[in-house]
Protein backbone atom coordinates (compact mmCIF):
# COMPACT_ATOMS: atom_id res chain seq x y z
CA MET A 1 0.00 0.00 0.00
CA CYS A 2 1.45 3.37 -0.92
CA VAL A 3 1.73 6.32 1.41
CA LEU A 4 -0.92 8.27 -0.49
CA GLN A 5 -3.50 5.51 0.06
CA ILE A 6 -2.70 5.39 3.79
CA VAL A 7 -3.09 9.17 4.08
CA GLY A 8 -6.40 8.99 2.21
CA ILE A 9 -7.74 6.28 4.53
CA LEU A 10 -6.67 8.23 7.63
CA ALA A 11 -8.33 11.38 6.29
CA LEU A 12 -11.53 9.45 5.66
CA LEU A 13 -11.50 7.98 9.18
CA ILE A 14 -10.94 11.44 10.68
CA LEU A 15 -13.81 12.84 8.61
CA ILE A 16 -16.16 10.04 9.72
CA ARG A 17 -15.21 10.58 13.37
CA TYR A 18 -15.76 14.35 13.06
CA LEU A 19 -19.15 13.92 11.40
CA TRP A 20 -20.26 11.49 14.10
CA TRP A 21 -19.05 13.81 16.87
CA SER A 22 -20.69 16.90 15.38
CA SER A 23 -24.00 15.07 14.95
CA THR A 24 -24.05 14.25 18.67
CA GLN A 25 -23.45 17.89 19.60
CA LYS A 26 -26.30 19.45 17.62
CA SER A 27 -29.99 19.51 18.41
CA GLU A 28 -33.03 21.32 17.04
CA ASN A 29 -33.50 23.10 20.36
CA PRO A 30 -30.46 25.32 20.98
CA TYR A 31 -31.24 25.29 24.70
CA MET A 32 -31.18 21.52 25.07
CA LYS A 33 -28.63 20.34 27.59
CA LYS A 34 -25.40 18.93 26.22
CA GLY A 35 -25.48 15.19 25.86
CA GLU A 36 -29.22 14.93 25.25
CA ALA A 37 -28.54 14.30 21.56
CA LEU A 38 -26.47 11.29 22.62
CA ASN A 39 -29.49 9.67 24.27
CA ALA A 40 -31.04 9.00 20.86
CA MET A 41 -28.02 7.04 19.64
CA PRO A 42 -27.31 3.39 20.48
CA LEU A 43 -24.59 3.07 23.09
CA THR A 44 -23.24 -0.34 22.07
CA SER A 45 -23.04 -2.39 18.90
CA ALA A 46 -25.57 -4.79 20.46
CA ASP A 47 -28.03 -1.91 20.75
CA ALA A 48 -27.41 -0.92 17.16
CA ASN A 49 -28.00 -4.48 15.90
CA GLY A 50 -31.09 -4.92 18.03
CA ASP A 51 -29.48 -7.87 19.87
CA ASN A 52 -30.14 -6.34 23.24
CA ASN A 53 -33.26 -7.94 24.70
CA GLU A 54 -33.37 -5.73 27.79
CA GLU A 55 -35.99 -3.02 27.82
CA THR A 56 -34.71 0.43 28.55
CA PRO A 57 -36.31 1.74 31.71
CA LYS A 58 -38.44 4.78 30.98
CA LYS A 59 -38.04 7.84 33.10
CA GLU A 60 -41.13 8.27 35.20
CA GLU A 61 -42.57 11.73 35.14
CA ASP A 62 -44.03 12.14 38.57
CA ASP A 63 -43.66 14.58 41.43
CA SER A 64 -40.82 12.58 42.99
CA SER A 65 -38.48 13.84 40.25
CA SER A 66 -39.34 17.43 41.16
CA GLU A 67 -36.75 17.20 43.91
CA LEU A 68 -34.05 17.22 41.26
CA GLU A 69 -35.68 19.19 38.50
CA GLY A 70 -38.02 21.54 40.35
CA GLU A 71 -41.36 22.77 39.09
CA LYS A 72 -41.83 24.37 35.68
CA PRO A 73 -42.82 28.03 36.05
CA GLU A 74 -45.64 29.69 34.12
CA PHE A 75 -44.54 30.98 30.72
CA LEU A 76 -46.14 33.49 28.37
CA GLU A 77 -46.58 33.04 24.61
CA THR A 78 -45.80 36.72 24.02
CA PRO A 79 -44.86 39.63 26.28
CA GLN A 80 -47.69 41.51 27.93
CA GLY A 81 -46.93 44.98 26.60
CA ASP A 82 -43.26 45.88 26.33
CA LYS A 83 -40.67 43.34 27.47
CA ASP A 84 -38.71 44.27 30.57
CA ASP A 85 -34.95 44.59 30.22
CA LEU A 86 -33.99 41.45 32.13
CA LYS A 87 -30.30 42.39 31.79
CA LYS A 88 -30.88 44.85 34.64
CA ILE A 89 -30.85 41.78 36.91
CA SER A 90 -27.32 40.92 37.99
CA GLY A 91 -26.36 37.58 36.45
CA ILE A 92 -28.52 37.95 33.34
CA GLY A 93 -26.64 38.94 30.24
CA PRO A 94 -27.80 39.09 26.62
CA LYS A 95 -27.54 35.32 26.04
CA ILE A 96 -29.40 34.37 29.21
CA GLU A 97 -32.05 37.00 28.50
CA GLU A 98 -32.48 35.46 25.04
CA LYS A 99 -32.89 31.99 26.58
CA LEU A 100 -35.44 33.27 29.10
CA ASN A 101 -37.38 35.09 26.37
CA HIS A 102 -37.33 31.93 24.25
CA LEU A 103 -38.95 30.08 27.16
CA GLY A 104 -41.60 32.76 27.63
CA ILE A 105 -40.12 34.82 30.48
CA PHE A 106 -40.28 38.50 29.54
CA HIS A 107 -41.11 40.42 32.70
CA TYR A 108 -39.59 41.13 36.13
CA GLN A 109 -42.85 40.04 37.78
CA GLN A 110 -42.57 36.56 36.26
CA ILE A 111 -39.15 36.12 37.88
CA ALA A 112 -40.33 37.77 41.10
CA ASP A 113 -43.08 35.11 41.32
CA PHE A 114 -40.60 32.20 41.03
CA THR A 115 -40.71 29.68 43.86
CA ASP A 116 -37.62 27.72 44.91
CA ASP A 117 -38.87 24.83 42.76
CA ASN A 118 -39.24 27.14 39.76
CA ILE A 119 -35.65 28.32 40.22
CA LYS A 120 -34.47 24.70 40.38
CA TRP A 121 -36.36 23.93 37.17
CA VAL A 122 -34.87 26.92 35.33
CA ASP A 123 -31.36 26.12 36.62
CA GLU A 124 -31.69 22.44 35.66
CA ASN A 125 -33.24 22.93 32.24
CA LEU A 126 -31.11 25.85 31.09
CA SER A 127 -27.88 24.72 32.76
CA PHE A 128 -27.46 27.88 34.84
CA LYS A 129 -25.62 25.97 37.59
CA GLY A 130 -27.26 27.78 40.50
CA ARG A 131 -26.86 31.27 39.06
CA ALA A 132 -30.48 32.32 39.67
CA MET A 133 -30.24 31.48 43.38
CA ARG A 134 -26.67 32.74 43.81
CA ASP A 135 -27.42 36.12 42.21
CA ASP A 136 -30.84 36.40 43.90
CA TRP A 137 -32.78 36.96 40.69
CA VAL A 138 -36.10 36.78 42.57
CA GLY A 139 -35.10 39.49 45.06
CA GLN A 140 -33.79 41.77 42.34
CA ALA A 141 -36.87 41.16 40.15
CA LYS A 142 -39.20 42.06 43.04
CA VAL A 143 -37.46 45.42 43.44
CA LEU A 144 -37.43 46.11 39.69
CA ALA A 145 -41.08 45.05 39.29
CA LYS A 146 -42.06 47.77 41.79
CA GLY A 147 -40.32 50.32 39.56
CA GLU A 148 -37.43 50.76 41.98
CA GLU A 149 -33.73 50.36 41.23
CA THR A 150 -31.22 47.84 42.55
CA GLU A 151 -27.54 48.62 43.04
CA PHE A 152 -26.77 46.69 39.86
CA SER A 153 -29.52 48.33 37.79
CA LYS A 154 -28.26 51.78 38.81
CA ARG A 155 -24.91 50.95 37.22
CA TYR A 156 -26.51 49.23 34.19
CA LYS A 157 -26.42 51.23 30.98
């Protein structure tokens, strides 16, 4: 086998590996957690061939899972009037505001009404890693919803 054939085979293998990797990283929902695309793919060759006789346990959707995921807050289809500038809340930048708007969270009052379970749900499903609790989004939103300013919003431009 000549060197050119070996290089061609290696390039093809690298391309196949890259295409497989990139297909596991993409999803239709840009806010889907990383790794969720992997769940749709078989994990072993036995799974791919259908040789695996074990049934995959289905995730039960009951209130016992709310301990980990929290409770989904109420979302709006469209803003009621003008959207509030959620970036006035410390810890919310343009990208997080876009994610919140995509979910249906447009107003300070919506965030002010979050329960601890709602915060857990938002953290879990948008991968905020505790940011909402750590930055006290609810406390800041309550102040801003009243039309008052927070220390952060005074500095916000």
